[in-house]
Amino acid sequence: MRRRQFIGLLASASLVGVGLPGCSRKPPLQVGVHPWIGYESLYLAEEFGWLKDTVALVKGGTGSESVRGLVEGRLDAAAITLDEALRVMALGVPLAVIAVMDVSAGADVIMARPGMQSLDDLRGKRVAVELAGVSAIMLLRALEQAGLEPSDLEIVDLPVHQHSRAWQRGEIDASVSYEPVASVLETRGAIRLFDSRSLPETIFDVLVVNRDRAGKRRPALRDLLAGHFRGLSHLVRSFHDAIYRIATRQQVTPEAVRRALATVMLPDLSANQRYLAPGGRVEQVAASLIQLMLREGLLKMPVDLEGLCDASFLPRGPL
């Protein structure tokens, strides 16, 4: 090695030691997200530049990818369903819910062959459901209402994106799914037998963070939530503009976006404060879900709900 090179290396090492402007800067908060109408506030915030460079959206195709990212430690935070959060926690990853992104109000649905009129008509029928996802919770809650057991049906464990093809092949009689699959099935003759309007404030999409990392990433988490609520505000106040942006991104029609938005509630800041309050609805639903998931074998062990909800990252006032 030439002396000049050696001296250069020494100089570089000394600069690292004292720190150059920007060199000690933390990497962006890694936030998992995937296409879903309830998460569009984050996509809008990114598009308009309302997410600071302290935050990076890690875009996947499904919620399962975000779940894997949390379990493997590649993600600091993610937008997933509440039951998915509980599954991650059962694997030893400490999570805190820092926001409720949306509440299903018709988005989750049981689509069935024509002629079926009630949930009781599902007895002995082939029902497609993704047991590793929120569709399993939807089905179990619906069966509870109808006084049915999973053993009364022929359960076909199938990812939701495969339901349409199975329907066309005549392999299933009903599908537990959500948009846009539900609308596709409807165009192929399926009828809406039951949906989450009959299960008010039960199916939540939430924004979670790894609790072990939250304390050191507080400014970034506040930036993330500030961006979310600005995106949500644009969706409400500039509805038509937001509709066309979402339709372009998702490669669907504006009418499909309107239908999807009609099936979810998008909680504002005050609603989030209520949901995340100690003993609030998120904690109540989580406790109920744990019992249901343990009973049906969807969880292998109980989950400690202490510290589940953390409202401290929510904006303190108007944005």
C-alpha atoms as a PDB file:
ATOM      1  CA  MET A   1       0.000   0.000   0.000  1.00  0.00           C
ATOM      2  CA  ARG A   2       1.363   3.443  -0.889  1.00  0.00           C
ATOM      3  CA  ARG A   3       1.921   5.893   1.900  1.00  0.00           C
ATOM      4  CA  ARG A   4      -0.549   8.383   0.410  1.00  0.00           C
ATOM      5  CA  GLN A   5      -3.234   5.730   0.468  1.00  0.00           C
ATOM      6  CA  PHE A   6      -2.373   4.821   4.057  1.00  0.00           C
ATOM      7  CA  ILE A   7      -2.545   8.456   5.167  1.00  0.00           C
ATOM      8  CA  GLY A   8      -5.867   8.816   3.369  1.00  0.00           C
ATOM      9  CA  LEU A   9      -7.283   5.881   5.255  1.00  0.00           C
ATOM     10  CA  LEU A  10      -6.082   7.314   8.551  1.00  0.00           C
ATOM     11  CA  ALA A  11      -7.716  10.634   7.723  1.00  0.00           C
ATOM     12  CA  SER A  12     -10.993   8.899   6.851  1.00  0.00           C
ATOM     13  CA  ALA A  13     -10.906   6.970  10.110  1.00  0.00           C
ATOM     14  CA  SER A  14     -10.342  10.137  12.120  1.00  0.00           C
ATOM     15  CA  LEU A  15     -13.249  11.884  10.410  1.00  0.00           C
ATOM     16  CA  VAL A  16     -15.524   8.979  11.225  1.00  0.00           C
ATOM     17  CA  GLY A  17     -14.438   9.231  14.839  1.00  0.00           C
ATOM     18  CA  VAL A  18     -15.363  12.906  15.221  1.00  0.00           C
ATOM     19  CA  GLY A  19     -18.400  12.650  12.983  1.00  0.00           C
ATOM     20  CA  LEU A  20     -19.214  14.562   9.830  1.00  0.00           C
ATOM     21  CA  PRO A  21     -22.481  16.438   9.351  1.00  0.00           C
ATOM     22  CA  GLY A  22     -25.109  13.873   8.398  1.00  0.00           C
ATOM     23  CA  CYS A  23     -22.887  10.819   8.992  1.00  0.00           C
ATOM     24  CA  SER A  24     -24.396  10.026  12.397  1.00  0.00           C
ATOM     25  CA  ARG A  25     -27.929  10.500  11.143  1.00  0.00           C
ATOM     26  CA  LYS A  26     -30.301   7.631  11.849  1.00  0.00           C
ATOM     27  CA  PRO A  27     -31.640   5.676   8.886  1.00  0.00           C
ATOM     28  CA  PRO A  28     -35.308   6.280   8.047  1.00  0.00           C
ATOM     29  CA  LEU A  29     -37.979   4.467  10.001  1.00  0.00           C
ATOM     30  CA  GLN A  30     -38.858   1.378   7.944  1.00  0.00           C
ATOM     31  CA  VAL A  31     -42.644   1.135   7.674  1.00  0.00           C
ATOM     32  CA  GLY A  32     -44.305  -1.822   5.959  1.00  0.00           C
ATOM     33  CA  VAL A  33     -47.378  -1.074   3.873  1.00  0.00           C
ATOM     34  CA  HIS A  34     -49.335  -2.799   1.116  1.00  0.00           C
ATOM     35  CA  PRO A  35     -52.231  -1.897  -1.196  1.00  0.00           C
ATOM     36  CA  TRP A  36     -55.403  -1.459   0.860  1.00  0.00           C
ATOM     37  CA  ILE A  37     -57.917   1.365   0.850  1.00  0.00           C
ATOM     38  CA  GLY A  38     -57.404   2.015   4.558  1.00  0.00           C
ATOM     39  CA  TYR A  39     -53.698   2.696   4.053  1.00  0.00           C
ATOM     40  CA  GLU A  40     -54.084   5.187   1.209  1.00  0.00           C
ATOM     41  CA  SER A  41     -53.452   8.117   3.546  1.00  0.00           C
ATOM     42  CA  LEU A  42     -49.814   7.006   3.733  1.00  0.00           C
ATOM     43  CA  TYR A  43     -49.463   6.682  -0.030  1.00  0.00           C
ATOM     44  CA  LEU A  44     -51.022  10.138  -0.458  1.00  0.00           C
ATOM     45  CA  ALA A  45     -48.698  11.595   2.187  1.00  0.00           C
ATOM     46  CA  GLU A  46     -45.704  10.183   0.335  1.00  0.00           C
ATOM     47  CA  GLU A  47     -46.968  11.457  -3.019  1.00  0.00           C
ATOM     48  CA  PHE A  48     -47.410  15.005  -1.721  1.00  0.00           C
ATOM     49  CA  GLY A  49     -44.134  15.020   0.200  1.00  0.00           C
ATOM     50  CA  TRP A  50     -45.815  15.110   3.614  1.00  0.00           C
ATOM     51  CA  LEU A  51     -43.687  12.240   4.898  1.00  0.00           C
ATOM     52  CA  LYS A  52     -40.366  13.583   6.115  1.00  0.00           C
ATOM     53  CA  ASP A  53     -37.133  11.818   5.199  1.00  0.00           C
ATOM     54  CA  THR A  54     -37.167  10.274   8.667  1.00  0.00           C
ATOM     55  CA  VAL A  55     -39.763   7.811   7.300  1.00  0.00           C
ATOM     56  CA  ALA A  56     -39.534   5.287   4.459  1.00  0.00           C
ATOM     57  CA  LEU A  57     -42.515   3.268   3.234  1.00  0.00           C
ATOM     58  CA  VAL A  58     -41.520  -0.318   2.462  1.00  0.00           C
ATOM     59  CA  LYS A  59     -44.134  -1.387  -0.074  1.00  0.00           C
ATOM     60  CA  GLY A  60     -45.159  -5.009  -0.315  1.00  0.00           C
ATOM     61  CA  GLY A  61     -47.925  -6.868  -2.069  1.00  0.00           C
ATOM     62  CA  THR A  62     -49.731  -8.329   0.948  1.00  0.00           C
ATOM     63  CA  GLY A  63     -50.038  -8.000   4.696  1.00  0.00           C
ATOM     64  CA  SER A  64     -48.119 -11.264   5.049  1.00  0.00           C
ATOM     65  CA  GLU A  65     -45.006  -9.510   3.745  1.00  0.00           C
ATOM     66  CA  SER A  66     -45.302  -6.850   6.440  1.00  0.00           C
ATOM     67  CA  VAL A  67     -45.834  -9.539   9.073  1.00  0.00           C
ATOM     68  CA  ARG A  68     -42.662 -11.320   7.943  1.00  0.00           C
ATOM     69  CA  GLY A  69     -40.751  -8.026   7.968  1.00  0.00           C
ATOM     70  CA  LEU A  70     -41.754  -7.388  11.572  1.00  0.00           C
ATOM     71  CA  VAL A  71     -40.930 -10.931  12.678  1.00  0.00           C
ATOM     72  CA  GLU A  72     -37.555 -10.879  10.918  1.00  0.00           C
ATOM     73  CA  GLY A  73     -36.702  -7.422  12.263  1.00  0.00           C
ATOM     74  CA  ARG A  74     -36.440  -5.760   8.853  1.00  0.00           C
ATOM     75  CA  LEU A  75     -39.331  -3.405   9.650  1.00  0.00           C
ATOM     76  CA  ASP A  76     -39.690  -0.975  12.541  1.00  0.00           C
ATOM     77  CA  ALA A  77     -43.414  -0.472  12.005  1.00  0.00           C
ATOM     78  CA  ALA A  78     -46.221  -1.624   9.712  1.00  0.00           C
ATOM     79  CA  ALA A  79     -49.869  -1.225   8.788  1.00  0.00           C
ATOM     80  CA  ILE A  80     -51.569  -4.581   9.406  1.00  0.00           C
ATOM     81  CA  THR A  81     -54.782  -5.989  10.873  1.00  0.00           C
ATOM     82  CA  LEU A  82     -55.163  -6.279  14.635  1.00  0.00           C
ATOM     83  CA  ASP A  83     -55.273 -10.078  14.510  1.00  0.00           C
ATOM     84  CA  GLU A  84     -52.045 -10.079  12.473  1.00  0.00           C
ATOM     85  CA  ALA A  85     -50.464  -7.917  15.165  1.00  0.00           C
ATOM     86  CA  LEU A  86     -51.465 -10.474  17.794  1.00  0.00           C
ATOM     87  CA  ARG A  87     -49.930 -13.289  15.736  1.00  0.00           C
ATOM     88  CA  VAL A  88     -46.644 -11.350  15.535  1.00  0.00           C
ATOM     89  CA  MET A  89     -46.700 -10.696  19.283  1.00  0.00           C
ATOM     90  CA  ALA A  90     -47.283 -14.401  19.949  1.00  0.00           C
ATOM     91  CA  LEU A  91     -43.967 -15.020  18.167  1.00  0.00           C
ATOM     92  CA  GLY A  92     -42.152 -12.847  20.688  1.00  0.00           C
ATOM     93  CA  VAL A  93     -42.070  -9.498  18.866  1.00  0.00           C
ATOM     94  CA  PRO A  94     -43.308  -6.715  21.204  1.00  0.00           C
ATOM     95  CA  LEU A  95     -45.672  -4.424  19.339  1.00  0.00           C
ATOM     96  CA  ALA A  96     -47.616  -1.298  20.226  1.00  0.00           C
ATOM     97  CA  VAL A  97     -50.632   0.010  18.331  1.00  0.00           C
ATOM     98  CA  ILE A  98     -50.009   3.696  17.686  1.00  0.00           C
ATOM     99  CA  ALA A  99     -52.972   4.405  15.387  1.00  0.00           C
ATOM    100  CA  VAL A 100     -56.133   2.864  14.006  1.00  0.00           C
ATOM    101  CA  MET A 101     -55.998   3.213  10.227  1.00  0.00           C
ATOM    102  CA  ASP A 102     -59.509   1.971   9.448  1.00  0.00           C
ATOM    103  CA  VAL A 103     -62.432  -0.019  10.810  1.00  0.00           C
ATOM    104  CA  SER A 104     -64.174  -2.470   8.524  1.00  0.00           C
ATOM    105  CA  ALA A 105     -67.816  -1.556   7.888  1.00  0.00           C
ATOM    106  CA  GLY A 106     -68.671  -3.875   5.018  1.00  0.00           C
ATOM    107  CA  ALA A 107     -65.196  -4.336   3.544  1.00  0.00           C
ATOM    108  CA  ASP A 108     -64.955  -7.937   4.747  1.00  0.00           C
ATOM    109  CA  VAL A 109     -67.626 -10.142   3.245  1.00  0.00           C
ATOM    110  CA  ILE A 110     -68.868 -13.685   2.724  1.00  0.00           C
ATOM    111  CA  MET A 111     -69.786 -14.154  -0.944  1.00  0.00           C
ATOM    112  CA  ALA A 112     -71.899 -17.199  -1.832  1.00  0.00           C
ATOM    113  CA  ARG A 113     -73.519 -19.045  -4.710  1.00  0.00           C
ATOM    114  CA  PRO A 114     -76.970 -17.803  -5.768  1.00  0.00           C
ATOM    115  CA  GLY A 115     -79.777 -19.456  -3.838  1.00  0.00           C
ATOM    116  CA  MET A 116     -78.139 -19.189  -0.433  1.00  0.00           C
ATOM    117  CA  GLN A 117     -80.139 -16.883   1.823  1.00  0.00           C
ATOM    118  CA  SER A 118     -78.547 -17.147   5.271  1.00  0.00           C
ATOM    119  CA  LEU A 119     -75.378 -18.263   6.990  1.00  0.00           C
ATOM    120  CA  ASP A 120     -77.122 -21.512   7.898  1.00  0.00           C
ATOM    121  CA  ASP A 121     -77.057 -22.375   4.187  1.00  0.00           C
ATOM    122  CA  LEU A 122     -73.261 -22.734   4.485  1.00  0.00           C
ATOM    123  CA  ARG A 123     -73.670 -26.073   6.276  1.00  0.00           C
ATOM    124  CA  GLY A 124     -71.705 -28.720   4.413  1.00  0.00           C
ATOM    125  CA  LYS A 125     -70.568 -26.211   1.780  1.00  0.00           C
ATOM    126  CA  ARG A 126     -67.010 -25.595   0.569  1.00  0.00           C
ATOM    127  CA  VAL A 127     -66.010 -22.230   2.012  1.00  0.00           C
ATOM    128  CA  ALA A 128     -62.718 -20.617   0.964  1.00  0.00           C
ATOM    129  CA  VAL A 129     -60.969 -18.684   3.726  1.00  0.00           C
ATOM    130  CA  GLU A 130     -57.375 -17.626   4.308  1.00  0.00           C
ATOM    131  CA  LEU A 131     -56.786 -19.054   7.785  1.00  0.00           C
ATOM    132  CA  ALA A 132     -53.583 -17.055   8.262  1.00  0.00           C
ATOM    133  CA  GLY A 133     -55.358 -13.746   7.644  1.00  0.00           C
ATOM    134  CA  VAL A 134     -58.186 -11.558   8.875  1.00  0.00           C
ATOM    135  CA  SER A 135     -60.700 -13.560   6.810  1.00  0.00           C
ATOM    136  CA  ALA A 136     -60.474 -16.332   9.400  1.00  0.00           C
ATOM    137  CA  ILE A 137     -61.597 -13.905  12.109  1.00  0.00           C
ATOM    138  CA  MET A 138     -64.429 -12.687   9.909  1.00  0.00           C
ATOM    139  CA  LEU A 139     -65.690 -16.234   9.343  1.00  0.00           C
ATOM    140  CA  LEU A 140     -65.422 -17.259  13.002  1.00  0.00           C
ATOM    141  CA  ARG A 141     -67.337 -14.186  14.175  1.00  0.00           C
ATOM    142  CA  ALA A 142     -70.018 -14.760  11.539  1.00  0.00           C
ATOM    143  CA  LEU A 143     -70.387 -18.409  12.564  1.00  0.00           C
ATOM    144  CA  GLU A 144     -70.741 -17.344  16.200  1.00  0.00           C
ATOM    145  CA  GLN A 145     -73.675 -15.139  15.257  1.00  0.00           C
ATOM    146  CA  ALA A 146     -75.303 -17.977  13.333  1.00  0.00           C
ATOM    147  CA  GLY A 147     -74.716 -20.611  16.002  1.00  0.00           C
ATOM    148  CA  LEU A 148     -72.501 -22.631  13.676  1.00  0.00           C
ATOM    149  CA  GLU A 149     -69.138 -24.319  14.185  1.00  0.00           C
ATOM    150  CA  PRO A 150     -66.276 -24.459  11.663  1.00  0.00           C
ATOM    151  CA  SER A 151     -66.827 -28.233  11.596  1.00  0.00           C
ATOM    152  CA  ASP A 152     -70.262 -27.578  10.085  1.00  0.00           C
ATOM    153  CA  LEU A 153     -68.516 -26.355   6.915  1.00  0.00           C
ATOM    154  CA  GLU A 154     -65.944 -27.768   4.540  1.00  0.00           C
ATOM    155  CA  ILE A 155     -63.135 -25.249   5.077  1.00  0.00           C
ATOM    156  CA  VAL A 156     -60.861 -24.622   2.085  1.00  0.00           C
ATOM    157  CA  ASP A 157     -57.727 -22.813   3.290  1.00  0.00           C
ATOM    158  CA  LEU A 158     -56.865 -20.568   0.337  1.00  0.00           C
ATOM    159  CA  PRO A 159     -55.197 -17.141  -0.072  1.00  0.00           C
ATOM    160  CA  VAL A 160     -57.839 -14.548  -0.902  1.00  0.00           C
ATOM    161  CA  HIS A 161     -56.283 -13.633  -4.250  1.00  0.00           C
ATOM    162  CA  GLN A 162     -56.927 -17.216  -5.401  1.00  0.00           C
ATOM    163  CA  HIS A 163     -60.646 -17.259  -4.553  1.00  0.00           C
ATOM    164  CA  SER A 164     -61.813 -15.903  -7.898  1.00  0.00           C
ATOM    165  CA  ARG A 165     -60.074 -18.643  -9.859  1.00  0.00           C
ATOM    166  CA  ALA A 166     -61.368 -21.337  -7.490  1.00  0.00           C
ATOM    167  CA  TRP A 167     -64.876 -19.912  -7.912  1.00  0.00           C
ATOM    168  CA  GLN A 168     -64.653 -20.071 -11.687  1.00  0.00           C
ATOM    169  CA  ARG A 169     -63.504 -23.695 -11.514  1.00  0.00           C
ATOM    170  CA  GLY A 170     -66.447 -24.612  -9.310  1.00  0.00           C
ATOM    171  CA  GLU A 171     -64.130 -25.644  -6.470  1.00  0.00           C
ATOM    172  CA  ILE A 172     -65.843 -23.530  -3.785  1.00  0.00           C
ATOM    173  CA  ASP A 173     -69.393 -22.577  -2.837  1.00  0.00           C
ATOM    174  CA  ALA A 174     -68.544 -19.460  -0.821  1.00  0.00           C
ATOM    175  CA  SER A 175     -65.655 -17.073  -0.262  1.00  0.00           C
ATOM    176  CA  VAL A 176     -64.645 -15.099   2.804  1.00  0.00           C
ATOM    177  CA  SER A 177     -62.860 -12.175   1.194  1.00  0.00           C
ATOM    178  CA  TYR A 178     -62.680  -8.416   0.727  1.00  0.00           C
ATOM    179  CA  GLU A 179     -62.310  -5.828  -2.010  1.00  0.00           C
ATOM    180  CA  PRO A 180     -61.442  -6.020  -4.824  1.00  0.00           C
ATOM    181  CA  VAL A 181     -61.976  -9.811  -4.825  1.00  0.00           C
ATOM    182  CA  ALA A 182     -65.539  -9.476  -3.534  1.00  0.00           C
ATOM    183  CA  SER A 183     -66.552  -7.248  -6.446  1.00  0.00           C
ATOM    184  CA  VAL A 184     -64.910  -9.611  -8.935  1.00  0.00           C
ATOM    185  CA  LEU A 185     -66.919 -12.513  -7.503  1.00  0.00           C
ATOM    186  CA  GLU A 186     -70.071 -10.406  -7.691  1.00  0.00           C
ATOM    187  CA  THR A 187     -69.557  -9.899 -11.421  1.00  0.00           C
ATOM    188  CA  ARG A 188     -69.391 -13.702 -11.689  1.00  0.00           C
ATOM    189  CA  GLY A 189     -72.719 -14.258 -10.021  1.00  0.00           C
ATOM    190  CA  ALA A 190     -71.856 -14.366  -6.328  1.00  0.00           C
ATOM    191  CA  ILE A 191     -74.202 -12.808  -3.808  1.00  0.00           C
ATOM    192  CA  ARG A 192     -73.294 -10.952  -0.619  1.00  0.00           C
ATOM    193  CA  LEU A 193     -74.408 -13.270   2.185  1.00  0.00           C
ATOM    194  CA  PHE A 194     -72.858 -11.466   5.167  1.00  0.00           C
ATOM    195  CA  ASP A 195     -70.457  -8.587   5.743  1.00  0.00           C
ATOM    196  CA  SER A 196     -68.694  -6.737   8.510  1.00  0.00           C
ATOM    197  CA  ARG A 197     -71.496  -4.193   8.894  1.00  0.00           C
ATOM    198  CA  SER A 198     -73.011  -6.868  11.127  1.00  0.00           C
ATOM    199  CA  LEU A 199     -69.818  -6.872  13.234  1.00  0.00           C
ATOM    200  CA  PRO A 200     -69.419  -3.194  14.181  1.00  0.00           C
ATOM    201  CA  GLU A 201     -65.997  -2.076  15.433  1.00  0.00           C
ATOM    202  CA  THR A 202     -64.597  -5.600  15.303  1.00  0.00           C
ATOM    203  CA  ILE A 203     -62.134  -5.721  12.408  1.00  0.00           C
ATOM    204  CA  PHE A 204     -59.381  -3.112  12.749  1.00  0.00           C
ATOM    205  CA  ASP A 205     -56.450  -2.174  10.560  1.00  0.00           C
ATOM    206  CA  VAL A 206     -53.797  -0.653  12.771  1.00  0.00           C
ATOM    207  CA  LEU A 207     -50.390   0.970  12.613  1.00  0.00           C
ATOM    208  CA  VAL A 208     -47.971  -0.872  14.895  1.00  0.00           C
ATOM    209  CA  VAL A 209     -44.380  -0.316  15.959  1.00  0.00           C
ATOM    210  CA  ASN A 210     -41.819  -2.590  17.562  1.00  0.00           C
ATOM    211  CA  ARG A 211     -41.875  -1.414  21.184  1.00  0.00           C
ATOM    212  CA  ASP A 212     -38.159  -2.104  21.638  1.00  0.00           C
ATOM    213  CA  ARG A 213     -37.415   0.463  18.932  1.00  0.00           C
ATOM    214  CA  ALA A 214     -40.153   3.004  19.614  1.00  0.00           C
ATOM    215  CA  GLY A 215     -38.350   4.990  22.303  1.00  0.00           C
ATOM    216  CA  LYS A 216     -35.377   5.752  20.068  1.00  0.00           C
ATOM    217  CA  ARG A 217     -37.558   6.559  17.053  1.00  0.00           C
ATOM    218  CA  ARG A 218     -40.086   8.867  18.680  1.00  0.00           C
ATOM    219  CA  PRO A 219     -39.522  11.864  16.321  1.00  0.00           C
ATOM    220  CA  ALA A 220     -39.813   9.641  13.247  1.00  0.00           C
ATOM    221  CA  LEU A 221     -42.980   8.001  14.567  1.00  0.00           C
ATOM    222  CA  ARG A 222     -44.515  11.421  15.131  1.00  0.00           C
ATOM    223  CA  ASP A 223     -43.531  12.379  11.588  1.00  0.00           C
ATOM    224  CA  LEU A 224     -45.195   9.195  10.331  1.00  0.00           C
ATOM    225  CA  LEU A 225     -48.471   9.933  12.089  1.00  0.00           C
ATOM    226  CA  ALA A 226     -48.401  13.587  11.072  1.00  0.00           C
ATOM    227  CA  GLY A 227     -48.093  12.431   7.456  1.00  0.00           C
ATOM    228  CA  HIS A 228     -50.917   9.922   7.890  1.00  0.00           C
ATOM    229  CA  PHE A 229     -53.348  12.512   9.214  1.00  0.00           C
ATOM    230  CA  ARG A 230     -52.421  15.029   6.495  1.00  0.00           C
ATOM    231  CA  GLY A 231     -53.092  12.336   3.910  1.00  0.00           C
ATOM    232  CA  LEU A 232     -56.385  11.517   5.597  1.00  0.00           C
ATOM    233  CA  SER A 233     -57.337  15.193   5.626  1.00  0.00           C
ATOM    234  CA  HIS A 234     -56.686  15.423   1.885  1.00  0.00           C
ATOM    235  CA  LEU A 235     -58.829  12.356   1.296  1.00  0.00           C
ATOM    236  CA  VAL A 236     -61.716  13.983   3.149  1.00  0.00           C
ATOM    237  CA  ARG A 237     -61.372  17.580   1.965  1.00  0.00           C
ATOM    238  CA  SER A 238     -60.240  16.961  -1.625  1.00  0.00           C
ATOM    239  CA  PHE A 239     -62.231  13.808  -2.211  1.00  0.00           C
ATOM    240  CA  HIS A 240     -62.364  13.856  -6.003  1.00  0.00           C
ATOM    241  CA  ASP A 241     -58.653  14.558  -6.398  1.00  0.00           C
ATOM    242  CA  ALA A 242     -57.800  11.783  -3.937  1.00  0.00           C
ATOM    243  CA  ILE A 243     -60.152   9.335  -5.674  1.00  0.00           C
ATOM    244  CA  TYR A 244     -58.422   9.746  -9.021  1.00  0.00           C
ATOM    245  CA  ARG A 245     -54.952   9.535  -7.492  1.00  0.00           C
ATOM    246  CA  ILE A 246     -55.868   6.300  -5.700  1.00  0.00           C
ATOM    247  CA  ALA A 247     -57.520   4.852  -8.811  1.00  0.00           C
ATOM    248  CA  THR A 248     -54.421   5.593 -10.885  1.00  0.00           C
ATOM    249  CA  ARG A 249     -52.109   4.028  -8.304  1.00  0.00           C
ATOM    250  CA  GLN A 250     -54.245   0.913  -7.805  1.00  0.00           C
ATOM    251  CA  GLN A 251     -55.085   0.655 -11.530  1.00  0.00           C
ATOM    252  CA  VAL A 252     -58.819   0.459 -10.876  1.00  0.00           C
ATOM    253  CA  THR A 253     -61.743   2.696 -11.763  1.00  0.00           C
ATOM    254  CA  PRO A 254     -62.649   5.730  -9.642  1.00  0.00           C
ATOM    255  CA  GLU A 255     -66.012   4.069  -8.990  1.00  0.00           C
ATOM    256  CA  ALA A 256     -64.238   1.022  -7.531  1.00  0.00           C
ATOM    257  CA  VAL A 257     -62.346   3.331  -5.166  1.00  0.00           C
ATOM    258  CA  ARG A 258     -65.597   5.004  -4.092  1.00  0.00           C
ATOM    259  CA  ARG A 259     -67.163   1.607  -3.372  1.00  0.00           C
ATOM    260  CA  ALA A 260     -64.133   0.532  -1.359  1.00  0.00           C
ATOM    261  CA  LEU A 261     -64.147   3.734   0.703  1.00  0.00           C
ATOM    262  CA  ALA A 262     -67.828   3.197   1.490  1.00  0.00           C
ATOM    263  CA  THR A 263     -66.942  -0.073   3.258  1.00  0.00           C
ATOM    264  CA  VAL A 264     -64.495   1.351   5.814  1.00  0.00           C
ATOM    265  CA  MET A 265     -64.475   3.996   8.513  1.00  0.00           C
ATOM    266  CA  LEU A 266     -61.342   6.129   8.609  1.00  0.00           C
ATOM    267  CA  PRO A 267     -60.916   7.392  12.200  1.00  0.00           C
ATOM    268  CA  ASP A 268     -59.792  10.972  12.690  1.00  0.00           C
ATOM    269  CA  LEU A 269     -57.534  12.145  15.502  1.00  0.00           C
ATOM    270  CA  SER A 270     -60.238  12.327  18.172  1.00  0.00           C
ATOM    271  CA  ALA A 271     -61.551   8.873  17.253  1.00  0.00           C
ATOM    272  CA  ASN A 272     -58.015   7.497  17.491  1.00  0.00           C
ATOM    273  CA  GLN A 273     -57.638   8.959  20.949  1.00  0.00           C
ATOM    274  CA  ARG A 274     -60.810   7.148  22.023  1.00  0.00           C
ATOM    275  CA  TYR A 275     -59.836   3.857  20.399  1.00  0.00           C
ATOM    276  CA  LEU A 276     -56.358   3.846  21.961  1.00  0.00           C
ATOM    277  CA  ALA A 277     -57.411   4.927  25.443  1.00  0.00           C
ATOM    278  CA  PRO A 278     -56.708   2.499  28.318  1.00  0.00           C
ATOM    279  CA  GLY A 279     -59.497  -0.073  28.306  1.00  0.00           C
ATOM    280  CA  GLY A 280     -60.713   1.322  24.962  1.00  0.00           C
ATOM    281  CA  ARG A 281     -62.175  -0.526  22.046  1.00  0.00           C
ATOM    282  CA  VAL A 282     -58.851  -1.736  20.609  1.00  0.00           C
ATOM    283  CA  GLU A 283     -57.890  -3.384  23.904  1.00  0.00           C
ATOM    284  CA  GLN A 284     -61.362  -4.889  24.262  1.00  0.00           C
ATOM    285  CA  VAL A 285     -61.345  -6.350  20.754  1.00  0.00           C
ATOM    286  CA  ALA A 286     -57.773  -7.622  21.157  1.00  0.00           C
ATOM    287  CA  ALA A 287     -58.686  -9.471  24.366  1.00  0.00           C
ATOM    288  CA  SER A 288     -61.694 -11.027  22.674  1.00  0.00           C
ATOM    289  CA  LEU A 289     -59.651 -11.984  19.611  1.00  0.00           C
ATOM    290  CA  ILE A 290     -57.035 -13.717  21.738  1.00  0.00           C
ATOM    291  CA  GLN A 291     -59.658 -15.963  23.312  1.00  0.00           C
ATOM    292  CA  LEU A 292     -61.192 -16.747  19.922  1.00  0.00           C
ATOM    293  CA  MET A 293     -57.838 -17.422  18.250  1.00  0.00           C
ATOM    294  CA  LEU A 294     -56.617 -19.621  21.095  1.00  0.00           C
ATOM    295  CA  ARG A 295     -59.826 -21.647  21.016  1.00  0.00           C
ATOM    296  CA  GLU A 296     -59.599 -22.191  17.252  1.00  0.00           C
ATOM    297  CA  GLY A 297     -55.859 -22.890  17.200  1.00  0.00           C
ATOM    298  CA  LEU A 298     -54.923 -19.648  15.402  1.00  0.00           C
ATOM    299  CA  LEU A 299     -52.676 -18.721  18.339  1.00  0.00           C
ATOM    300  CA  LYS A 300     -50.435 -21.184  20.145  1.00  0.00           C
ATOM    301  CA  MET A 301     -50.113 -19.182  23.358  1.00  0.00           C
ATOM    302  CA  PRO A 302     -51.736 -16.197  25.106  1.00  0.00           C
ATOM    303  CA  VAL A 303     -50.540 -12.678  24.344  1.00  0.00           C
ATOM    304  CA  ASP A 304     -49.782 -10.112  27.043  1.00  0.00           C
ATOM    305  CA  LEU A 305     -51.748  -6.972  26.218  1.00  0.00           C
ATOM    306  CA  GLU A 306     -49.938  -4.691  28.655  1.00  0.00           C
ATOM    307  CA  GLY A 307     -48.739  -1.664  26.718  1.00  0.00           C
ATOM    308  CA  LEU A 308     -50.655  -2.705  23.601  1.00  0.00           C
ATOM    309  CA  CYS A 309     -51.959   0.791  22.806  1.00  0.00           C
ATOM    310  CA  ASP A 310     -49.753   3.875  22.860  1.00  0.00           C
ATOM    311  CA  ALA A 311     -51.425   7.158  21.962  1.00  0.00           C
ATOM    312  CA  SER A 312     -48.363   9.250  22.810  1.00  0.00           C
ATOM    313  CA  PHE A 313     -47.269   9.449  19.167  1.00  0.00           C
ATOM    314  CA  LEU A 314     -50.545  10.983  17.979  1.00  0.00           C
ATOM    315  CA  PRO A 315     -50.398  14.665  16.973  1.00  0.00           C
ATOM    316  CA  ARG A 316     -51.119  16.962  19.885  1.00  0.00           C
ATOM    317  CA  GLY A 317     -53.111  19.465  17.870  1.00  0.00           C
ATOM    318  CA  PRO A 318     -54.239  20.550  14.391  1.00  0.00           C
ATOM    319  CA  LEU A 319     -51.753  19.776  11.627  1.00  0.00           C
END
